[in-house]
Amino acid sequence: MSQMKMSEYITITREQLVRYAGASGDFNPIHTNMILAKDNGLPDVIAQGMFIMGLAGSHLTRWFGLNKVKQFDVKFTAMTLPGERVQVICTINGEDTGGEVVVKNENEDVKLKGSIQFF
C-alpha cells in the first residue's frame, strides 16, 4: 500500500527568487528582472528550477529524515511565476524503497516531477 505526503501550498515570491539568486550565484536576469524577462518573451520573472527542487527537497528531508534519502532526481516540467502557490506531493511505493515526487500549483499544473530513493 502506498503512502502519500502533501505540503501546504507555498506562495512563490519575488523576494524568494532574489534571495535564492544571491545564495546560489544564479544571477540570470530572467529570475530577478521583470523588464528583461518580459523583453525575452516571458510573462514575468520565473523561479529558478533549482529553487523549486530545493523546496521539494526540504519537505522530503523533513518528512523522511536526511539520513533516509539516498537519491532525489527531478525533471522541470513548467515555469513557476511569482504569486503562484505550489504544493509538494510525495507518493511512496508499497515496498517503502522510494517513490514519486511532484510539485504542482493550485491549477494542477505540474512544475516538477521526479523520484526519490531511500537507503
N, C-alpha and C. Protein backbone atom coordinates (compact mmCIF):
# COMPACT_ATOMS: atom_id res chain seq x y z
N MET A 1 0.85 -1.19 0.00
CA MET A 1 0.00 0.00 0.00
C MET A 1 0.88 1.25 0.00
N SER A 2 0.59 2.19 -0.88
CA SER A 2 1.41 3.39 -0.96
C SER A 2 0.97 4.42 0.08
N GLN A 3 1.90 5.28 0.40
CA GLN A 3 1.70 6.35 1.38
C GLN A 3 1.89 7.67 0.67
N MET A 4 1.09 8.68 1.02
CA MET A 4 1.22 9.99 0.38
C MET A 4 1.46 11.07 1.42
N LYS A 5 2.40 11.96 1.11
CA LYS A 5 2.67 13.14 1.93
C LYS A 5 2.42 14.36 1.06
N MET A 6 1.79 15.38 1.65
CA MET A 6 1.48 16.61 0.91
C MET A 6 1.82 17.81 1.79
N SER A 7 2.50 18.78 1.20
CA SER A 7 2.78 20.02 1.93
C SER A 7 1.56 20.93 1.85
N GLU A 8 1.61 21.96 2.65
CA GLU A 8 0.67 23.07 2.49
C GLU A 8 1.06 23.78 1.19
N TYR A 9 0.19 24.62 0.66
CA TYR A 9 0.56 25.42 -0.50
C TYR A 9 1.56 26.50 -0.09
N ILE A 10 2.57 26.71 -0.91
CA ILE A 10 3.64 27.67 -0.66
C ILE A 10 3.56 28.74 -1.74
N THR A 11 3.43 30.00 -1.36
CA THR A 11 3.38 31.09 -2.32
C THR A 11 4.80 31.49 -2.71
N ILE A 12 5.05 31.50 -4.01
CA ILE A 12 6.37 31.89 -4.53
C ILE A 12 6.41 33.41 -4.61
N THR A 13 7.45 34.01 -4.03
CA THR A 13 7.56 35.48 -4.01
C THR A 13 8.80 35.94 -4.77
N ARG A 14 8.76 37.18 -5.21
CA ARG A 14 9.92 37.78 -5.86
C ARG A 14 11.11 37.83 -4.90
N GLU A 15 10.83 38.12 -3.64
CA GLU A 15 11.90 38.18 -2.65
C GLU A 15 12.62 36.83 -2.55
N GLN A 16 11.87 35.73 -2.55
CA GLN A 16 12.50 34.40 -2.51
C GLN A 16 13.44 34.21 -3.69
N LEU A 17 13.00 34.64 -4.88
CA LEU A 17 13.81 34.45 -6.08
C LEU A 17 15.09 35.27 -6.03
N VAL A 18 15.01 36.50 -5.54
CA VAL A 18 16.20 37.35 -5.42
C VAL A 18 17.14 36.77 -4.37
N ARG A 19 16.59 36.33 -3.24
CA ARG A 19 17.43 35.74 -2.19
C ARG A 19 18.10 34.46 -2.70
N TYR A 20 17.35 33.65 -3.45
CA TYR A 20 17.93 32.41 -3.98
C TYR A 20 19.02 32.73 -4.99
N ALA A 21 18.81 33.76 -5.81
CA ALA A 21 19.85 34.16 -6.78
C ALA A 21 21.14 34.50 -6.04
N GLY A 22 21.03 35.24 -4.95
CA GLY A 22 22.21 35.60 -4.17
C GLY A 22 22.87 34.40 -3.53
N ALA A 23 22.06 33.49 -2.99
CA ALA A 23 22.61 32.31 -2.30
C ALA A 23 23.24 31.33 -3.29
N SER A 24 22.64 31.21 -4.47
CA SER A 24 23.10 30.19 -5.43
C SER A 24 24.11 30.73 -6.44
N GLY A 25 24.15 32.04 -6.59
CA GLY A 25 25.00 32.64 -7.62
C GLY A 25 24.36 32.63 -9.00
N ASP A 26 23.08 32.27 -9.07
CA ASP A 26 22.36 32.25 -10.35
C ASP A 26 21.75 33.63 -10.58
N PHE A 27 22.51 34.52 -11.21
CA PHE A 27 22.06 35.89 -11.42
C PHE A 27 21.49 36.10 -12.83
N ASN A 28 21.03 35.04 -13.46
CA ASN A 28 20.37 35.20 -14.75
C ASN A 28 19.20 36.15 -14.54
N PRO A 29 19.15 37.27 -15.27
CA PRO A 29 18.12 38.29 -15.01
C PRO A 29 16.68 37.83 -15.25
N ILE A 30 16.47 36.71 -15.93
CA ILE A 30 15.08 36.25 -16.10
C ILE A 30 14.48 35.81 -14.76
N HIS A 31 15.33 35.67 -13.73
CA HIS A 31 14.83 35.28 -12.41
C HIS A 31 14.60 36.48 -11.50
N THR A 32 15.14 37.64 -11.86
CA THR A 32 15.08 38.78 -10.94
C THR A 32 14.64 40.10 -11.57
N ASN A 33 14.73 40.23 -12.88
CA ASN A 33 14.45 41.50 -13.54
C ASN A 33 13.24 41.35 -14.46
N MET A 34 12.11 41.89 -14.02
CA MET A 34 10.86 41.73 -14.75
C MET A 34 10.94 42.33 -16.16
N ILE A 35 11.56 43.46 -16.31
CA ILE A 35 11.65 44.11 -17.62
C ILE A 35 12.44 43.24 -18.59
N LEU A 36 13.59 42.76 -18.16
CA LEU A 36 14.40 41.89 -19.01
C LEU A 36 13.67 40.58 -19.31
N ALA A 37 12.99 40.03 -18.32
CA ALA A 37 12.24 38.78 -18.54
C ALA A 37 11.18 38.99 -19.61
N LYS A 38 10.44 40.09 -19.50
CA LYS A 38 9.39 40.38 -20.49
C LYS A 38 9.98 40.68 -21.86
N ASP A 39 11.11 41.37 -21.89
CA ASP A 39 11.79 41.64 -23.16
C ASP A 39 12.23 40.36 -23.85
N ASN A 40 12.38 39.29 -23.08
CA ASN A 40 12.79 37.99 -23.62
C ASN A 40 11.61 37.04 -23.81
N GLY A 41 10.39 37.61 -23.84
CA GLY A 41 9.22 36.81 -24.17
C GLY A 41 8.56 36.08 -23.02
N LEU A 42 9.01 36.31 -21.81
CA LEU A 42 8.40 35.65 -20.66
C LEU A 42 7.29 36.53 -20.09
N PRO A 43 6.32 35.93 -19.42
CA PRO A 43 5.23 36.73 -18.85
C PRO A 43 5.66 37.53 -17.62
N ASP A 44 6.75 37.12 -16.98
CA ASP A 44 7.26 37.74 -15.76
C ASP A 44 8.60 37.07 -15.47
N VAL A 45 9.22 37.41 -14.34
CA VAL A 45 10.40 36.64 -13.94
C VAL A 45 9.93 35.22 -13.65
N ILE A 46 10.85 34.27 -13.72
CA ILE A 46 10.49 32.88 -13.43
C ILE A 46 11.39 32.36 -12.31
N ALA A 47 10.84 31.46 -11.53
CA ALA A 47 11.60 30.85 -10.44
C ALA A 47 12.71 29.97 -11.02
N GLN A 48 13.84 29.95 -10.34
CA GLN A 48 14.92 29.04 -10.70
C GLN A 48 14.42 27.62 -10.46
N GLY A 49 14.69 26.74 -11.43
CA GLY A 49 14.29 25.35 -11.26
C GLY A 49 14.87 24.74 -9.99
N MET A 50 16.12 25.07 -9.71
CA MET A 50 16.76 24.52 -8.52
C MET A 50 16.12 25.05 -7.23
N PHE A 51 15.51 26.23 -7.28
CA PHE A 51 14.77 26.74 -6.11
C PHE A 51 13.56 25.85 -5.85
N ILE A 52 12.84 25.50 -6.92
CA ILE A 52 11.66 24.63 -6.77
C ILE A 52 12.10 23.25 -6.30
N MET A 53 13.22 22.75 -6.83
CA MET A 53 13.75 21.47 -6.37
C MET A 53 14.13 21.55 -4.89
N GLY A 54 14.70 22.67 -4.49
CA GLY A 54 15.06 22.86 -3.09
C GLY A 54 13.85 22.85 -2.17
N LEU A 55 12.75 23.46 -2.62
CA LEU A 55 11.52 23.41 -1.83
C LEU A 55 11.08 21.97 -1.64
N ALA A 56 11.11 21.21 -2.73
CA ALA A 56 10.71 19.80 -2.65
C ALA A 56 11.66 19.03 -1.73
N GLY A 57 12.95 19.23 -1.92
CA GLY A 57 13.93 18.52 -1.11
C GLY A 57 13.82 18.81 0.37
N SER A 58 13.52 20.06 0.71
CA SER A 58 13.40 20.40 2.13
C SER A 58 12.20 19.69 2.76
N HIS A 59 11.14 19.54 2.00
CA HIS A 59 9.99 18.79 2.53
C HIS A 59 10.31 17.30 2.65
N LEU A 60 10.99 16.75 1.65
CA LEU A 60 11.34 15.33 1.70
C LEU A 60 12.20 15.00 2.91
N THR A 61 13.21 15.83 3.17
CA THR A 61 14.07 15.54 4.32
C THR A 61 13.33 15.80 5.64
N ARG A 62 12.41 16.72 5.65
CA ARG A 62 11.60 16.96 6.85
C ARG A 62 10.70 15.76 7.12
N TRP A 63 10.08 15.23 6.06
CA TRP A 63 9.16 14.10 6.21
C TRP A 63 9.86 12.79 6.54
N PHE A 64 10.99 12.53 5.86
CA PHE A 64 11.61 11.21 5.95
C PHE A 64 12.96 11.19 6.66
N GLY A 65 13.56 12.35 6.86
CA GLY A 65 14.86 12.42 7.50
C GLY A 65 15.99 12.43 6.48
N LEU A 66 16.97 13.26 6.72
CA LEU A 66 18.10 13.40 5.81
C LEU A 66 18.84 12.08 5.62
N ASN A 67 18.96 11.30 6.67
CA ASN A 67 19.71 10.05 6.60
C ASN A 67 19.00 8.95 5.82
N LYS A 68 17.72 9.12 5.52
CA LYS A 68 16.99 8.09 4.79
C LYS A 68 17.01 8.33 3.27
N VAL A 69 17.19 9.58 2.85
CA VAL A 69 17.15 9.91 1.42
C VAL A 69 18.47 9.53 0.75
N LYS A 70 18.40 8.59 -0.18
CA LYS A 70 19.58 8.14 -0.90
C LYS A 70 19.77 8.92 -2.19
N GLN A 71 18.68 9.15 -2.91
CA GLN A 71 18.76 9.83 -4.21
C GLN A 71 17.46 10.57 -4.47
N PHE A 72 17.59 11.72 -5.12
CA PHE A 72 16.44 12.57 -5.47
C PHE A 72 16.71 13.11 -6.86
N ASP A 73 15.94 12.66 -7.84
CA ASP A 73 16.10 13.08 -9.24
C ASP A 73 14.84 13.79 -9.70
N VAL A 74 15.00 14.83 -10.51
CA VAL A 74 13.82 15.57 -10.98
C VAL A 74 13.94 15.96 -12.44
N LYS A 75 12.79 16.29 -13.00
CA LYS A 75 12.68 16.92 -14.31
C LYS A 75 11.80 18.15 -14.12
N PHE A 76 12.26 19.28 -14.62
CA PHE A 76 11.46 20.50 -14.54
C PHE A 76 10.49 20.50 -15.72
N THR A 77 9.21 20.66 -15.45
CA THR A 77 8.21 20.48 -16.49
C THR A 77 7.47 21.76 -16.89
N ALA A 78 7.55 22.80 -16.07
CA ALA A 78 6.87 24.06 -16.40
C ALA A 78 7.46 25.19 -15.59
N MET A 79 7.36 26.40 -16.12
CA MET A 79 7.85 27.58 -15.41
C MET A 79 6.95 27.88 -14.21
N THR A 80 7.58 28.44 -13.18
CA THR A 80 6.86 28.87 -11.98
C THR A 80 7.05 30.37 -11.85
N LEU A 81 5.94 31.08 -11.69
CA LEU A 81 5.95 32.54 -11.62
C LEU A 81 5.71 33.04 -10.20
N PRO A 82 6.18 34.24 -9.88
CA PRO A 82 5.86 34.83 -8.57
C PRO A 82 4.35 34.92 -8.40
N GLY A 83 3.90 34.66 -7.20
CA GLY A 83 2.48 34.69 -6.90
C GLY A 83 1.81 33.33 -7.01
N GLU A 84 2.45 32.41 -7.73
CA GLU A 84 1.88 31.06 -7.81
C GLU A 84 2.01 30.38 -6.45
N ARG A 85 1.03 29.55 -6.16
CA ARG A 85 1.06 28.74 -4.94
C ARG A 85 1.30 27.30 -5.37
N VAL A 86 2.37 26.71 -4.83
CA VAL A 86 2.74 25.36 -5.22
C VAL A 86 2.67 24.43 -4.01
N GLN A 87 2.53 23.15 -4.32
CA GLN A 87 2.43 22.12 -3.29
C GLN A 87 3.38 20.97 -3.66
N VAL A 88 4.07 20.46 -2.66
CA VAL A 88 4.96 19.30 -2.83
C VAL A 88 4.16 18.06 -2.44
N ILE A 89 4.18 17.05 -3.31
CA ILE A 89 3.47 15.80 -3.06
C ILE A 89 4.44 14.65 -3.28
N CYS A 90 4.48 13.72 -2.35
CA CYS A 90 5.33 12.54 -2.49
C CYS A 90 4.49 11.30 -2.23
N THR A 91 4.50 10.39 -3.19
CA THR A 91 3.81 9.12 -3.05
C THR A 91 4.86 8.02 -2.95
N ILE A 92 4.88 7.33 -1.82
CA ILE A 92 5.86 6.29 -1.55
C ILE A 92 5.32 4.96 -2.05
N ASN A 93 6.20 4.17 -2.69
CA ASN A 93 5.76 2.87 -3.19
C ASN A 93 5.49 1.90 -2.04
N GLY A 94 4.83 0.82 -2.33
CA GLY A 94 4.43 -0.15 -1.31
C GLY A 94 5.59 -0.81 -0.60
N GLU A 95 6.76 -0.89 -1.25
CA GLU A 95 7.92 -1.53 -0.63
C GLU A 95 8.70 -0.58 0.27
N ASP A 96 8.32 0.70 0.29
CA ASP A 96 8.99 1.72 1.09
C ASP A 96 10.46 1.90 0.69
N THR A 97 10.76 1.69 -0.60
CA THR A 97 12.12 1.88 -1.09
C THR A 97 12.29 3.21 -1.82
N GLY A 98 11.19 3.88 -2.10
CA GLY A 98 11.23 5.14 -2.81
C GLY A 98 9.85 5.54 -3.26
N GLY A 99 9.81 6.50 -4.17
CA GLY A 99 8.51 6.95 -4.65
C GLY A 99 8.61 8.06 -5.66
N GLU A 100 7.48 8.67 -5.92
CA GLU A 100 7.36 9.74 -6.90
C GLU A 100 7.17 11.06 -6.18
N VAL A 101 7.81 12.11 -6.71
CA VAL A 101 7.71 13.46 -6.15
C VAL A 101 7.16 14.38 -7.24
N VAL A 102 6.19 15.20 -6.87
CA VAL A 102 5.59 16.15 -7.81
C VAL A 102 5.44 17.49 -7.09
N VAL A 103 5.72 18.57 -7.81
CA VAL A 103 5.38 19.91 -7.34
C VAL A 103 4.39 20.46 -8.36
N LYS A 104 3.23 20.88 -7.88
CA LYS A 104 2.21 21.42 -8.78
C LYS A 104 1.57 22.65 -8.15
N ASN A 105 0.95 23.45 -9.01
CA ASN A 105 0.28 24.64 -8.50
C ASN A 105 -1.20 24.34 -8.24
N GLU A 106 -1.93 25.35 -7.84
CA GLU A 106 -3.35 25.16 -7.50
C GLU A 106 -4.20 24.78 -8.70
N ASN A 107 -3.71 25.05 -9.91
CA ASN A 107 -4.43 24.66 -11.13
C ASN A 107 -4.04 23.27 -11.60
N GLU A 108 -3.26 22.56 -10.78
CA GLU A 108 -2.80 21.20 -11.10
C GLU A 108 -1.72 21.18 -12.19
N ASP A 109 -1.14 22.34 -12.53
CA ASP A 109 -0.03 22.37 -13.48
C ASP A 109 1.21 21.82 -12.79
N VAL A 110 1.79 20.77 -13.34
CA VAL A 110 2.97 20.14 -12.75
C VAL A 110 4.21 20.96 -13.10
N LYS A 111 4.93 21.38 -12.09
CA LYS A 111 6.14 22.20 -12.25
C LYS A 111 7.40 21.35 -12.20
N LEU A 112 7.36 20.28 -11.46
CA LEU A 112 8.50 19.39 -11.26
C LEU A 112 7.96 17.99 -11.06
N LYS A 113 8.63 17.03 -11.65
CA LYS A 113 8.26 15.63 -11.45
C LYS A 113 9.55 14.85 -11.26
N GLY A 114 9.58 13.97 -10.28
CA GLY A 114 10.80 13.25 -10.04
C GLY A 114 10.60 12.01 -9.20
N SER A 115 11.72 11.50 -8.72
CA SER A 115 11.69 10.29 -7.91
C SER A 115 12.62 10.44 -6.72
N ILE A 116 12.33 9.67 -5.70
CA ILE A 116 13.16 9.61 -4.50
C ILE A 116 13.43 8.14 -4.22
N GLN A 117 14.67 7.87 -3.78
CA GLN A 117 15.04 6.53 -3.35
C GLN A 117 15.56 6.61 -1.93
N PHE A 118 15.24 5.59 -1.15
CA PHE A 118 15.66 5.54 0.25
C PHE A 118 16.78 4.51 0.45
N PHE A 119 17.57 4.73 1.49
CA PHE A 119 18.58 3.73 1.90
C PHE A 119 17.85 2.55 2.50
